[in-house]
Amino acid sequence: MNASNPKPEATAAPAETAPTNFVREIVREDLKTGKYQGRVWTRFPPEPNGYLHIGHAKSICLNFGLAAEFGGKTNLRFDDTNPEKEEQEYVDSIIDTVHWLGFDWEDRLFYASDYFDQLHAWAVQLIKAGKSYVCDLSADEVRKYRGTLTEPGKESPYRNRSVEENLQLFERMKTGEFPDGSRTLRAKIDMASPNLNMRDPVMYRILHAEHHRTGNKWCIYPMYDYAHGQSDSLEKITHSICTLEFEDHRPLYNWYIEQLGIFPSQQIEFDRLNVTYTLLSKRKLLQLVQEGRVRGWDDPRMPTLSGIRRRGYTPEALRNFCASIGVTKTNGTIELAMLEHFVREDLNKRAHRVMAVLRPLKVVIDNYPEGQIDEMEAVNNPEDPAAGTRKVPFSRVLYIEQDDFREEPPKGYFRLSPGKEVRLRYGYFITAQSIVKNDKGEVVEVHCTYDPATRGGNAPDGRKVKSTIHWVSAAHAVDAEVRVYDNLFTKEDPNDVAEGQDFTANLNPNSLEIVNGAKLEPSLADAAAGMRYQFERLGYFCVDLDNKPGALVFNRTVALKDTWAKVEKKQSTKPKR
């Protein structure tokens, strides 16, 4: 298997049958014309200044998936050109996350810092060719001189320095003679260009900061636009796939490659992923972490891949989601419900069903023999016969959900209430006879009778009940903390705020509910971190990293209700005009 391929279960469809998109068609045409001698080589270039988020998943799947589909290769390359914001923690997290998502780059792990010497040499080459110069304007002055979309820029007064003076000043920048921000190296292109990126862009800035890989060797660092294309060229990348905000940067990408006469990598832009109720700005996500509004980068409410992994999302679900949303040249927004649909669809096939009671109400079956324990056979996963069955203990005292009993049931309520018969999942029919209340008037205990002839959930006389509820044997239950997560933001667009507010105004105060004292069936006593289950009738849950022996902790991954599936079904049944 090609090293760029995802793991076997994620192998891409054959090139002749896979769903098409404009990037794929560009690759096919390049192969047809022999543009790169039959080579397809992509790269994923994250900045190590934060944790990857769901938006990066689309880029990862596209880059690795295309290369795998056409027998090519993909590099993982860190764009580590800004030491003030980069940390080894982020590097380690990104490596782990891309592997978790199901992709491998074999021995092709690179860093932009690997190329600092060559990038510097090329900068000197451009100075000697009269294509770049050292500029003494401050950052504010550079912006002022750049002009606007409707007005041309103004040339820097330092633009026409001699080659010799530029070489001398650039060397002095490199040796640390000047303070941060006092000088830059700029490309000499066209201050009247309609594309602002071509108006003498900065190539190098002075930054006396220790780099996580090169230490204090450098005090000048290349800008992304300068390092990007040259790094691609050095690695012989054929298709450098970026999001749409880099479209206006493509002429500059090409200019550097043309002026240097190096391998002509090509940049292709596609739509970035946006999801409702979700922020995909690393700067804003970092703010949430630094202000303590979440528990860290891997908080299950965060849209980081570390967060949704901890919440219980599967890599297969994310890959299927990314494959379904398409690749276009127009930015749009995807419904969060669609992402959750793919999570449910995947977990439905792989997660074992178990019984858990989050808010327990005690049920006593008065006519059930004291001390008797029945072993009820329960199906582990009806979608997977190979998953088999398990035994669940049944006893005289059980726990059910508080919501599954009403002393005075409203119209249409078919669960347990005085005089009403219900089915216990895998158990018996029971009928509520009486209740016990506490000093506050709250029901704390329900006394019932059961029909021994209905073991397994069916009545020999054929009578029917309208409700089946889950339960846990009180004598065998294991306690757990359950963390019930909801959307982190209350609005579809978290940035939709009133004047004077920022996105934090839309934070959902109820995004996390911690439920203590949940009662789980005993098969979960030794559940390990990362294991996923369906709590019957409640949703999909994952064992959290905080889990310890004797102190179970579960995260709700997603509820059972699938609104996206209903939307799709409704759309498919609409009459065509």
Protein backbone atom coordinates (compact mmCIF):
# COMPACT_ATOMS: atom_id res chain seq x y z
CA MET A 1 0.00 0.00 0.00
CA ASN A 2 1.32 3.46 -0.90
CA ALA A 3 2.50 5.26 2.20
CA SER A 4 0.26 8.25 1.51
CA ASN A 5 -2.81 6.05 1.55
CA PRO A 6 -5.05 6.16 4.57
CA LYS A 7 -5.33 2.98 6.60
CA PRO A 8 -7.02 0.09 4.77
CA GLU A 9 -10.56 0.91 5.88
CA ALA A 10 -10.22 4.42 4.40
CA THR A 11 -8.77 3.47 1.02
CA ALA A 12 -9.96 5.90 -1.65
CA ALA A 13 -12.26 4.84 -4.47
CA PRO A 14 -10.59 3.93 -7.78
CA ALA A 15 -9.67 6.96 -9.90
CA GLU A 16 -12.25 6.14 -12.56
CA THR A 17 -15.18 5.87 -10.11
CA ALA A 18 -14.43 8.37 -7.33
CA PRO A 19 -16.72 11.44 -7.07
CA THR A 20 -15.20 14.24 -9.10
CA ASN A 21 -14.35 17.84 -8.24
CA PHE A 22 -12.43 20.58 -10.00
CA VAL A 23 -9.15 19.84 -8.17
CA ARG A 24 -9.37 16.19 -9.13
CA GLU A 25 -10.01 17.17 -12.75
CA ILE A 26 -6.92 19.41 -12.74
CA VAL A 27 -4.85 16.47 -11.53
CA ARG A 28 -6.35 14.16 -14.16
CA GLU A 29 -5.61 16.67 -16.92
CA ASP A 30 -2.02 17.11 -15.70
CA LEU A 31 -1.56 13.35 -15.78
CA LYS A 32 -3.07 13.20 -19.26
CA THR A 33 -0.73 15.87 -20.63
CA GLY A 34 2.33 14.59 -18.77
CA LYS A 35 2.84 17.94 -17.05
CA TYR A 36 4.78 16.40 -14.16
CA GLN A 37 5.86 13.18 -15.88
CA GLY A 38 2.98 11.29 -14.29
CA ARG A 39 3.76 12.45 -10.75
CA VAL A 40 1.17 13.54 -8.17
CA TRP A 41 2.78 14.92 -5.04
CA THR A 42 0.82 16.98 -2.50
CA ARG A 43 1.55 18.35 0.95
CA PHE A 44 -0.28 19.34 4.10
CA PRO A 45 1.47 22.40 5.63
CA PRO A 46 0.09 23.24 9.09
CA GLU A 47 1.42 26.09 11.20
CA PRO A 48 2.49 24.77 14.62
CA ASN A 49 0.75 27.63 16.44
CA GLY A 50 -2.35 25.77 17.65
CA TYR A 51 -4.25 22.52 17.44
CA LEU A 52 -5.81 21.33 14.19
CA HIS A 53 -9.58 21.84 13.86
CA ILE A 54 -12.38 20.33 11.80
CA GLY A 55 -11.59 22.70 8.94
CA HIS A 56 -8.14 21.17 8.61
CA ALA A 57 -9.71 17.72 8.28
CA LYS A 58 -11.07 18.69 4.87
CA SER A 59 -7.62 19.78 3.68
CA ILE A 60 -5.94 16.68 5.12
CA CYS A 61 -8.44 14.34 3.45
CA LEU A 62 -8.18 16.22 0.14
CA ASN A 63 -4.37 16.25 0.02
CA PHE A 64 -3.77 12.71 1.19
CA GLY A 65 -6.83 11.37 -0.62
CA LEU A 66 -5.91 12.78 -4.03
CA ALA A 67 -2.35 11.50 -3.82
CA ALA A 68 -3.53 8.06 -2.75
CA GLU A 69 -6.15 7.93 -5.50
CA PHE A 70 -3.58 8.59 -8.24
CA GLY A 71 -0.70 6.57 -6.78
CA GLY A 72 1.16 9.62 -5.55
CA LYS A 73 2.65 10.83 -2.28
CA THR A 74 1.90 13.43 0.38
CA ASN A 75 4.34 15.28 2.63
CA LEU A 76 3.63 16.64 6.08
CA ARG A 77 5.46 19.95 6.35
CA PHE A 78 5.31 22.37 9.25
CA ASP A 79 5.26 26.05 8.30
CA ASP A 80 7.39 27.07 11.27
CA THR A 81 8.35 30.61 10.24
CA ASN A 82 6.98 32.48 13.27
CA PRO A 83 8.84 31.39 16.43
CA GLU A 84 6.90 33.74 18.70
CA LYS A 85 3.71 31.70 18.32
CA GLU A 86 5.01 28.17 17.68
CA GLU A 87 5.56 25.38 20.20
CA GLN A 88 6.67 21.76 20.16
CA GLU A 89 3.38 20.89 21.88
CA TYR A 90 1.53 21.90 18.73
CA VAL A 91 3.90 19.93 16.50
CA ASP A 92 3.37 16.77 18.57
CA SER A 93 -0.40 17.25 18.58
CA ILE A 94 -0.57 17.74 14.80
CA ILE A 95 1.49 14.63 14.11
CA ASP A 96 -0.68 12.57 16.44
CA THR A 97 -3.91 13.99 15.00
CA VAL A 98 -3.09 13.37 11.33
CA HIS A 99 -2.15 9.80 12.19
CA TRP A 100 -5.40 9.39 14.14
CA LEU A 101 -7.39 10.64 11.18
CA GLY A 102 -5.94 7.69 9.27
CA PHE A 103 -3.10 9.07 7.15
CA ASP A 104 0.64 8.51 6.97
CA TRP A 105 3.49 10.40 5.29
CA GLU A 106 6.08 7.65 5.73
CA ASP A 107 9.50 9.35 6.08
CA ARG A 108 8.37 12.61 4.48
CA LEU A 109 8.14 14.85 7.56
CA PHE A 110 9.55 18.29 6.80
CA TYR A 111 9.74 21.79 8.26
CA ALA A 112 10.07 25.15 6.55
CA SER A 113 12.98 25.69 8.95
CA ASP A 114 14.77 22.83 7.15
CA TYR A 115 15.11 25.28 4.27
CA PHE A 116 16.14 28.47 6.10
CA ASP A 117 19.68 28.38 4.66
CA GLN A 118 18.42 27.86 1.10
CA LEU A 119 15.70 30.50 1.49
CA HIS A 120 18.34 32.96 2.68
CA ALA A 121 20.57 32.11 -0.28
CA TRP A 122 17.68 32.68 -2.67
CA ALA A 123 16.94 36.03 -1.01
CA VAL A 124 20.55 37.05 -1.67
CA GLN A 125 20.11 35.88 -5.28
CA LEU A 126 17.07 38.16 -5.68
CA ILE A 127 19.00 41.10 -4.20
CA LYS A 128 21.83 40.54 -6.66
CA ALA A 129 19.30 40.41 -9.50
CA GLY A 130 17.86 43.76 -8.40
CA LYS A 131 14.57 42.06 -7.46
CA SER A 132 14.56 42.80 -3.72
CA TYR A 133 15.77 45.51 -1.37
CA VAL A 134 16.15 46.37 2.30
CA CYS A 135 13.48 48.84 3.45
CA ASP A 136 13.62 51.04 6.57
CA LEU A 137 9.91 51.88 6.65
CA SER A 138 8.03 50.83 9.78
CA ALA A 139 5.13 48.40 9.51
CA ASP A 140 2.64 51.28 9.73
CA GLU A 141 4.50 53.20 7.04
CA VAL A 142 4.57 50.14 4.77
CA ARG A 143 0.79 49.89 5.08
CA LYS A 144 0.40 53.59 4.36
CA TYR A 145 2.64 53.43 1.28
CA ARG A 146 0.86 50.34 -0.06
CA GLY A 147 -2.20 52.29 -1.20
CA THR A 148 -5.72 50.92 -1.48
CA LEU A 149 -7.80 48.80 -3.83
CA THR A 150 -8.63 51.93 -5.82
CA GLU A 151 -5.37 53.89 -5.42
CA PRO A 152 -1.87 52.75 -6.41
CA GLY A 153 0.85 52.48 -3.81
CA LYS A 154 3.84 54.76 -3.40
CA GLU A 155 7.39 53.54 -3.75
CA SER A 156 9.51 53.31 -0.64
CA PRO A 157 12.27 55.95 -0.47
CA TYR A 158 14.67 53.01 0.05
CA ARG A 159 13.54 51.09 -3.03
CA ASN A 160 16.44 52.14 -5.24
CA ARG A 161 19.32 51.34 -2.94
CA SER A 162 22.26 49.78 -4.75
CA VAL A 163 22.75 46.03 -4.84
CA GLU A 164 25.89 46.43 -2.73
CA GLU A 165 24.12 48.43 -0.02
CA ASN A 166 21.22 45.97 0.07
CA LEU A 167 23.57 43.01 0.39
CA GLN A 168 25.45 44.73 3.22
CA LEU A 169 22.28 45.72 5.09
CA PHE A 170 20.71 42.28 4.68
CA GLU A 171 23.84 40.67 6.07
CA ARG A 172 23.76 43.06 9.04
CA MET A 173 20.08 42.16 9.58
CA LYS A 174 21.11 38.50 9.66
CA THR A 175 23.90 39.09 12.19
CA GLY A 176 21.53 40.85 14.58
CA GLU A 177 22.72 44.46 14.37
CA PHE A 178 19.25 45.96 14.11
CA PRO A 179 16.25 45.86 16.49
CA ASP A 180 13.00 44.10 15.72
CA GLY A 181 10.82 45.90 13.18
CA SER A 182 13.50 48.40 12.15
CA ARG A 183 14.11 46.94 8.70
CA THR A 184 12.61 44.38 6.29
CA LEU A 185 13.64 42.77 3.06
CA ARG A 186 11.03 43.41 0.37
CA ALA A 187 10.52 42.07 -3.13
CA LYS A 188 10.71 44.72 -5.85
CA ILE A 189 7.67 44.10 -8.03
CA ASP A 190 5.02 46.74 -8.82
CA MET A 191 3.62 49.33 -6.42
CA ALA A 192 0.81 50.07 -8.90
CA SER A 193 -0.34 46.47 -9.26
CA PRO A 194 -4.10 45.98 -8.84
CA ASN A 195 -3.18 43.03 -6.59
CA LEU A 196 -2.01 44.45 -3.26
CA ASN A 197 0.04 41.32 -2.60
CA MET A 198 2.32 42.30 -5.50
CA ARG A 199 3.09 45.76 -4.13
CA ASP A 200 6.60 45.03 -2.90
CA PRO A 201 5.68 42.40 -0.29
CA VAL A 202 7.88 41.78 2.74
CA MET A 203 10.11 38.70 2.39
CA TYR A 204 11.99 38.84 5.71
CA ARG A 205 11.46 40.60 9.02
CA ILE A 206 13.79 40.99 12.00
CA LEU A 207 12.66 38.92 14.96
CA HIS A 208 14.99 38.20 17.87
CA ALA A 209 13.14 35.13 19.09
CA GLU A 210 14.26 31.58 19.85
CA HIS A 211 12.96 29.05 17.35
CA HIS A 212 11.73 25.67 18.63
CA ARG A 213 14.05 23.88 16.18
CA THR A 214 16.83 26.26 15.14
CA GLY A 215 17.30 27.95 18.50
CA ASN A 216 18.97 31.35 18.21
CA LYS A 217 20.72 30.73 14.88
CA TRP A 218 18.44 33.18 13.11
CA CYS A 219 17.10 36.60 13.99
CA ILE A 220 15.51 37.12 10.58
CA TYR A 221 12.60 34.94 9.53
CA PRO A 222 10.91 34.52 6.14
CA MET A 223 7.30 35.50 5.63
CA TYR A 224 4.85 32.74 4.74
CA ASP A 225 4.34 34.00 1.18
CA TYR A 226 8.08 33.78 0.57
CA ALA A 227 8.67 30.42 2.26
CA HIS A 228 5.56 28.72 0.90
CA GLY A 229 6.23 28.34 -2.80
CA GLN A 230 9.96 27.75 -2.39
CA SER A 231 9.34 24.97 0.16
CA ASP A 232 6.89 23.39 -2.27
CA SER A 233 9.47 23.67 -5.04
CA LEU A 234 12.26 22.13 -2.97
CA GLU A 235 10.03 19.14 -2.24
CA LYS A 236 8.96 18.90 -5.91
CA ILE A 237 5.30 19.32 -4.92
CA THR A 238 3.15 19.13 -8.05
CA HIS A 239 -0.19 20.31 -6.64
CA SER A 240 -0.07 22.74 -3.72
CA ILE A 241 -3.66 22.82 -2.53
CA CYS A 242 -4.69 25.84 -0.41
CA THR A 243 -7.91 27.43 0.78
CA LEU A 244 -9.50 30.30 -1.14
CA GLU A 245 -8.03 33.14 0.92
CA PHE A 246 -4.70 32.39 -0.79
CA GLU A 247 -6.08 32.86 -4.30
CA ASP A 248 -4.88 36.48 -4.46
CA HIS A 249 -1.47 35.29 -3.26
CA ARG A 250 -1.00 32.91 -6.21
CA PRO A 251 0.59 35.54 -8.53
CA LEU A 252 3.20 36.16 -5.84
CA TYR A 253 3.73 32.40 -5.37
CA ASN A 254 4.40 32.13 -9.10
CA TRP A 255 6.55 35.27 -9.24
CA TYR A 256 9.09 33.97 -6.71
CA ILE A 257 9.34 30.61 -8.52
CA GLU A 258 9.77 32.30 -11.92
CA GLN A 259 12.38 34.79 -10.72
CA LEU A 260 14.43 32.06 -9.06
CA GLY A 261 14.04 29.62 -11.97
CA ILE A 262 13.18 26.69 -9.73
CA PHE A 263 10.79 23.73 -9.95
CA PRO A 264 7.33 25.10 -10.85
CA SER A 265 4.92 23.82 -8.22
CA GLN A 266 1.37 24.99 -8.87
CA GLN A 267 -1.00 26.41 -6.27
CA ILE A 268 -4.70 25.46 -6.44
CA GLU A 269 -7.32 27.01 -4.14
CA PHE A 270 -10.53 25.44 -2.84
CA ASP A 271 -13.32 26.44 -0.46
CA ARG A 272 -12.56 26.27 3.23
CA LEU A 273 -14.87 24.38 5.57
CA ASN A 274 -17.26 26.39 7.74
CA VAL A 275 -19.75 24.73 10.10
CA THR A 276 -22.74 26.28 11.90
CA TYR A 277 -22.43 26.96 15.64
CA THR A 278 -18.66 26.57 15.24
CA LEU A 279 -15.61 28.84 15.21
CA LEU A 280 -12.65 27.82 13.06
CA SER A 281 -10.22 30.60 13.90
CA LYS A 282 -7.12 29.39 15.75
CA ARG A 283 -6.68 32.87 17.22
CA LYS A 284 -10.16 32.82 18.72
CA LEU A 285 -9.87 29.22 19.83
CA LEU A 286 -6.62 30.14 21.59
CA GLN A 287 -8.48 32.98 23.31
CA LEU A 288 -11.05 30.52 24.66
CA VAL A 289 -8.24 28.36 26.04
CA GLN A 290 -6.24 31.24 27.53
CA GLU A 291 -9.31 32.81 29.18
CA GLY A 292 -10.33 29.47 30.71
CA ARG A 293 -13.69 29.41 28.95
CA VAL A 294 -12.98 25.80 27.98
CA ARG A 295 -10.86 23.14 29.64
CA GLY A 296 -8.13 23.19 27.01
CA TRP A 297 -7.53 22.59 23.32
CA ASP A 298 -8.98 19.09 23.66
CA ASP A 299 -12.15 20.13 25.48
CA PRO A 300 -14.90 18.04 23.83
CA ARG A 301 -16.85 21.22 23.08
CA MET A 302 -14.00 22.56 20.95
CA PRO A 303 -14.01 22.05 17.16
CA THR A 304 -10.38 20.94 17.35
CA LEU A 305 -9.72 17.42 16.12
CA SER A 306 -8.30 16.66 19.55
CA GLY A 307 -11.54 17.88 21.13
CA ILE A 308 -13.95 15.98 18.92
CA ARG A 309 -11.74 12.90 19.18
CA ARG A 310 -12.04 13.11 22.96
CA ARG A 311 -15.78 13.61 22.59
CA GLY A 312 -15.98 10.29 20.75
CA TYR A 313 -16.08 11.16 17.05
CA THR A 314 -14.45 8.52 14.86
CA PRO A 315 -11.89 9.20 12.13
CA GLU A 316 -14.06 7.18 9.74
CA ALA A 317 -17.01 9.51 10.35
CA LEU A 318 -14.87 12.58 9.70
CA ARG A 319 -13.45 11.15 6.49
CA ASN A 320 -16.93 10.23 5.25
CA PHE A 321 -18.18 13.72 6.13
CA CYS A 322 -15.31 15.39 4.27
CA ALA A 323 -15.91 13.17 1.24
CA SER A 324 -19.60 14.16 1.17
CA ILE A 325 -19.30 17.95 1.31
CA GLY A 326 -17.48 18.39 -1.98
CA VAL A 327 -14.70 20.70 -3.15
CA THR A 328 -15.65 23.96 -4.86
CA LYS A 329 -14.44 27.51 -5.54
CA THR A 330 -17.17 29.13 -3.42
CA ASN A 331 -17.08 29.38 0.36
CA GLY A 332 -20.21 28.26 2.15
CA THR A 333 -21.36 26.92 5.48
CA ILE A 334 -22.25 23.31 6.33
CA GLU A 335 -24.96 22.45 8.86
CA LEU A 336 -23.58 21.01 12.09
CA ALA A 337 -26.43 18.49 11.87
CA MET A 338 -24.81 17.04 8.75
CA LEU A 339 -21.54 16.36 10.58
CA GLU A 340 -23.45 14.78 13.47
CA HIS A 341 -25.34 12.60 10.99
CA PHE A 342 -22.11 11.02 9.79
CA VAL A 343 -20.99 10.46 13.38
CA ARG A 344 -24.24 8.67 14.20
CA GLU A 345 -24.11 6.67 10.99
CA ASP A 346 -20.65 5.37 11.81
CA LEU A 347 -21.24 4.75 15.51
CA ASN A 348 -24.49 2.96 14.74
CA LYS A 349 -22.44 0.31 12.97
CA ARG A 350 -19.63 -0.06 15.52
CA ALA A 351 -20.84 0.97 19.00
CA HIS A 352 -22.08 -1.69 21.44
CA ARG A 353 -25.48 -1.02 22.97
CA VAL A 354 -25.58 -0.86 26.76
CA MET A 355 -28.01 0.35 29.39
CA ALA A 356 -27.27 3.36 31.53
CA VAL A 357 -29.49 5.55 33.70
CA LEU A 358 -28.30 9.14 33.98
CA ARG A 359 -30.87 10.43 36.48
CA PRO A 360 -31.90 7.38 38.49
CA LEU A 361 -35.31 6.72 40.01
CA LYS A 362 -35.60 3.64 42.23
CA VAL A 363 -38.07 0.95 41.19
CA VAL A 364 -39.00 -1.92 43.51
CA ILE A 365 -40.77 -4.95 42.02
CA ASP A 366 -42.75 -6.11 45.02
CA ASN A 367 -43.70 -9.58 43.72
CA TYR A 368 -40.21 -10.40 42.46
CA PRO A 369 -38.46 -12.88 44.80
CA GLU A 370 -35.96 -11.21 47.13
CA GLY A 371 -32.40 -12.30 46.46
CA GLN A 372 -33.20 -13.69 43.02
CA ILE A 373 -31.00 -12.63 40.11
CA ASP A 374 -31.96 -13.32 36.51
CA GLU A 375 -29.44 -13.12 33.68
CA MET A 376 -31.07 -11.44 30.71
CA GLU A 377 -29.57 -11.88 27.26
CA ALA A 378 -28.96 -8.55 25.55
CA VAL A 379 -27.87 -7.85 21.98
CA ASN A 380 -24.57 -5.97 21.70
CA ASN A 381 -25.28 -4.42 18.30
CA PRO A 382 -28.26 -5.28 16.09
CA GLU A 383 -26.33 -3.83 13.10
CA ASP A 384 -23.48 -6.29 13.65
CA PRO A 385 -24.46 -9.92 14.34
CA ALA A 386 -20.80 -10.77 14.93
CA ALA A 387 -20.85 -8.52 18.01
CA GLY A 388 -22.84 -11.23 19.80
CA THR A 389 -24.75 -10.91 23.05
CA ARG A 390 -24.06 -10.35 26.74
CA LYS A 391 -25.76 -11.17 30.04
CA VAL A 392 -27.35 -8.34 32.02
CA PRO A 393 -28.36 -8.98 35.67
CA PHE A 394 -31.99 -8.35 36.66
CA SER A 395 -33.09 -8.06 40.28
CA ARG A 396 -35.93 -6.91 42.52
CA VAL A 397 -34.65 -3.33 42.79
CA LEU A 398 -33.87 -1.41 39.63
CA TYR A 399 -33.11 2.09 38.47
CA ILE A 400 -34.96 3.79 35.62
CA GLU A 401 -34.74 7.33 34.28
CA GLN A 402 -36.70 9.92 36.25
CA ASP A 403 -38.27 11.06 32.96
CA ASP A 404 -39.64 7.56 32.41
CA PHE A 405 -42.18 7.94 35.25
CA ARG A 406 -44.97 10.46 35.70
CA GLU A 407 -47.37 10.45 38.62
CA GLU A 408 -49.80 12.44 36.51
CA PRO A 409 -48.96 11.63 32.90
CA PRO A 410 -49.73 14.23 30.22
CA LYS A 411 -51.68 13.26 27.14
CA GLY A 412 -49.64 11.03 24.86
CA TYR A 413 -47.29 9.89 27.62
CA PHE A 414 -46.89 6.11 27.31
CA ARG A 415 -44.10 5.42 29.75
CA LEU A 416 -44.51 4.30 33.35
CA SER A 417 -47.30 5.86 35.42
CA PRO A 418 -49.73 4.56 38.08
CA GLY A 419 -51.66 1.59 36.73
CA LYS A 420 -49.87 1.58 33.38
CA GLU A 421 -47.91 -1.38 32.08
CA VAL A 422 -44.57 -0.98 30.23
CA ARG A 423 -41.86 -3.27 28.96
CA LEU A 424 -38.41 -3.32 30.51
CA ARG A 425 -35.83 -3.77 27.77
CA TYR A 426 -34.82 -7.48 27.64
CA GLY A 427 -36.77 -7.93 30.88
CA TYR A 428 -40.42 -8.17 31.86
CA PHE A 429 -43.65 -6.22 31.72
CA ILE A 430 -44.13 -4.19 34.88
CA THR A 431 -47.04 -2.13 36.22
CA ALA A 432 -46.68 0.80 38.64
CA GLN A 433 -48.77 0.30 41.80
CA SER A 434 -47.62 2.93 44.32
CA ILE A 435 -45.03 5.61 44.96
CA VAL A 436 -42.88 6.97 47.80
CA LYS A 437 -42.11 10.69 48.08
CA ASN A 438 -39.53 12.64 50.07
CA ASP A 439 -40.11 15.68 52.27
CA LYS A 440 -40.12 17.93 49.18
CA GLY A 441 -42.92 15.97 47.59
CA GLU A 442 -40.63 14.45 44.97
CA VAL A 443 -41.13 10.87 43.84
CA VAL A 444 -38.09 8.87 44.99
CA GLU A 445 -39.39 5.32 44.69
CA VAL A 446 -41.93 3.49 42.54
CA HIS A 447 -43.36 0.15 43.59
CA CYS A 448 -44.39 -2.15 40.78
CA THR A 449 -45.49 -5.69 40.03
CA TYR A 450 -44.19 -7.80 37.17
CA ASP A 451 -45.60 -10.57 35.01
CA PRO A 452 -43.19 -13.56 35.17
CA ALA A 453 -44.62 -14.91 31.91
CA THR A 454 -43.28 -11.93 29.95
CA ARG A 455 -39.57 -12.68 30.37
CA GLY A 456 -37.65 -11.33 27.40
CA GLY A 457 -40.29 -8.69 26.71
CA ASN A 458 -43.15 -10.59 25.09
CA ALA A 459 -46.56 -11.59 26.53
CA PRO A 460 -47.82 -15.14 25.82
CA ASP A 461 -51.37 -13.83 25.55
CA GLY A 462 -50.29 -11.39 22.83
CA ARG A 463 -51.10 -8.19 24.71
CA LYS A 464 -49.14 -5.13 23.67
CA VAL A 465 -47.57 -2.26 25.53
CA LYS A 466 -46.79 1.12 24.00
CA SER A 467 -43.47 1.81 25.66
CA THR A 468 -40.16 0.09 26.32
CA ILE A 469 -37.79 1.65 28.85
CA HIS A 470 -34.25 0.85 29.87
CA TRP A 471 -33.09 0.00 33.38
CA VAL A 472 -30.12 -1.04 35.52
CA SER A 473 -30.11 -3.49 38.43
CA ALA A 474 -29.46 -1.49 41.60
CA ALA A 475 -27.40 -4.23 43.23
CA HIS A 476 -25.09 -4.48 40.23
CA ALA A 477 -24.95 -0.89 38.99
CA VAL A 478 -21.64 0.94 38.65
CA ASP A 479 -21.52 4.68 39.29
CA ALA A 480 -20.26 7.15 36.72
CA GLU A 481 -19.87 10.83 35.98
CA VAL A 482 -21.47 11.69 32.66
CA ARG A 483 -20.65 14.91 30.84
CA VAL A 484 -23.48 15.99 28.56
CA TYR A 485 -22.24 18.40 25.89
CA ASP A 486 -24.21 20.82 23.76
CA ASN A 487 -23.17 23.44 21.18
CA LEU A 488 -20.45 25.77 22.43
CA PHE A 489 -22.27 28.74 20.87
CA THR A 490 -25.91 29.76 20.85
CA LYS A 491 -25.92 31.24 17.33
CA GLU A 492 -25.28 29.57 13.99
CA ASP A 493 -22.71 32.30 13.32
CA PRO A 494 -20.77 32.88 16.56
CA ASN A 495 -19.40 36.12 15.11
CA ASP A 496 -22.90 37.60 14.79
CA VAL A 497 -22.73 40.03 17.73
CA ALA A 498 -23.97 43.48 18.64
CA GLU A 499 -21.66 46.46 18.30
CA GLY A 500 -19.08 46.52 21.06
CA GLN A 501 -19.28 42.76 21.72
CA ASP A 502 -17.08 39.93 20.54
CA PHE A 503 -17.82 36.29 19.77
CA THR A 504 -17.67 35.30 23.44
CA ALA A 505 -21.05 37.00 23.90
CA ASN A 506 -22.54 34.02 22.06
CA LEU A 507 -21.01 31.35 24.27
CA ASN A 508 -23.61 28.84 25.44
CA PRO A 509 -23.74 28.82 29.27
CA ASN A 510 -25.34 25.37 29.08
CA SER A 511 -22.78 23.79 26.77
CA LEU A 512 -21.72 21.36 29.51
CA GLU A 513 -23.85 19.60 32.11
CA ILE A 514 -22.04 17.30 34.52
CA VAL A 515 -24.27 14.48 35.75
CA ASN A 516 -22.97 12.75 38.85
CA GLY A 517 -24.29 9.47 40.21
CA ALA A 518 -25.34 7.94 36.91
CA LYS A 519 -25.98 4.19 37.14
CA LEU A 520 -24.51 1.90 34.49
CA GLU A 521 -24.84 -1.80 33.80
CA PRO A 522 -21.91 -3.81 35.24
CA SER A 523 -20.41 -4.69 31.84
CA LEU A 524 -19.02 -1.12 31.78
CA ALA A 525 -17.08 -1.43 35.03
CA ASP A 526 -13.75 -1.87 33.21
CA ALA A 527 -14.43 0.40 30.23
CA ALA A 528 -11.21 2.04 29.05
CA ALA A 529 -10.65 5.59 27.83
CA GLY A 530 -11.70 6.04 24.21
CA MET A 531 -14.23 3.18 24.12
CA ARG A 532 -17.54 4.11 22.51
CA TYR A 533 -21.04 2.91 23.33
CA GLN A 534 -24.65 3.64 22.60
CA PHE A 535 -26.54 4.19 25.84
CA GLU A 536 -29.89 2.85 24.73
CA ARG A 537 -32.48 5.59 24.17
CA LEU A 538 -30.00 8.28 25.27
CA GLY A 539 -27.28 8.67 22.67
CA TYR A 540 -23.69 7.77 21.90
CA PHE A 541 -21.12 8.09 24.65
CA CYS A 542 -17.35 7.77 24.93
CA VAL A 543 -15.13 7.00 27.92
CA ASP A 544 -13.19 10.18 28.74
CA LEU A 545 -9.45 10.52 29.35
CA ASP A 546 -10.23 11.46 32.98
CA ASN A 547 -11.56 7.94 33.50
CA LYS A 548 -9.92 5.99 36.37
CA PRO A 549 -10.53 2.53 37.87
CA GLY A 550 -13.60 2.85 40.08
CA ALA A 551 -14.32 6.36 38.80
CA LEU A 552 -15.90 6.10 35.38
CA VAL A 553 -16.26 9.26 33.28
CA PHE A 554 -18.27 9.34 30.04
CA ASN A 555 -18.76 12.08 27.44
CA ARG A 556 -21.90 12.32 25.36
CA THR A 557 -20.70 12.26 21.77
CA VAL A 558 -24.04 12.95 20.13
CA ALA A 559 -27.72 12.40 20.92
CA LEU A 560 -29.74 9.79 19.02
CA LYS A 561 -32.00 12.25 17.20
CA ASP A 562 -30.76 12.78 13.64
CA THR A 563 -32.23 15.99 12.25
CA TRP A 564 -30.05 15.91 9.15
CA ALA A 565 -31.34 12.49 8.12
CA LYS A 566 -34.87 13.86 8.37
CA VAL A 567 -33.93 16.88 6.25
CA GLU A 568 -32.40 14.64 3.58
CA LYS A 569 -35.42 12.36 3.56
CA LYS A 570 -37.78 15.32 3.27
CA GLN A 571 -35.77 16.74 0.38
CA SER A 572 -35.67 13.39 -1.43
CA THR A 573 -39.45 13.02 -1.24
CA LYS A 574 -40.25 16.49 -2.59
CA PRO A 575 -41.94 16.36 -5.99
CA LYS A 576 -39.59 17.38 -8.81
CA ARG A 577 -40.67 20.27 -10.94
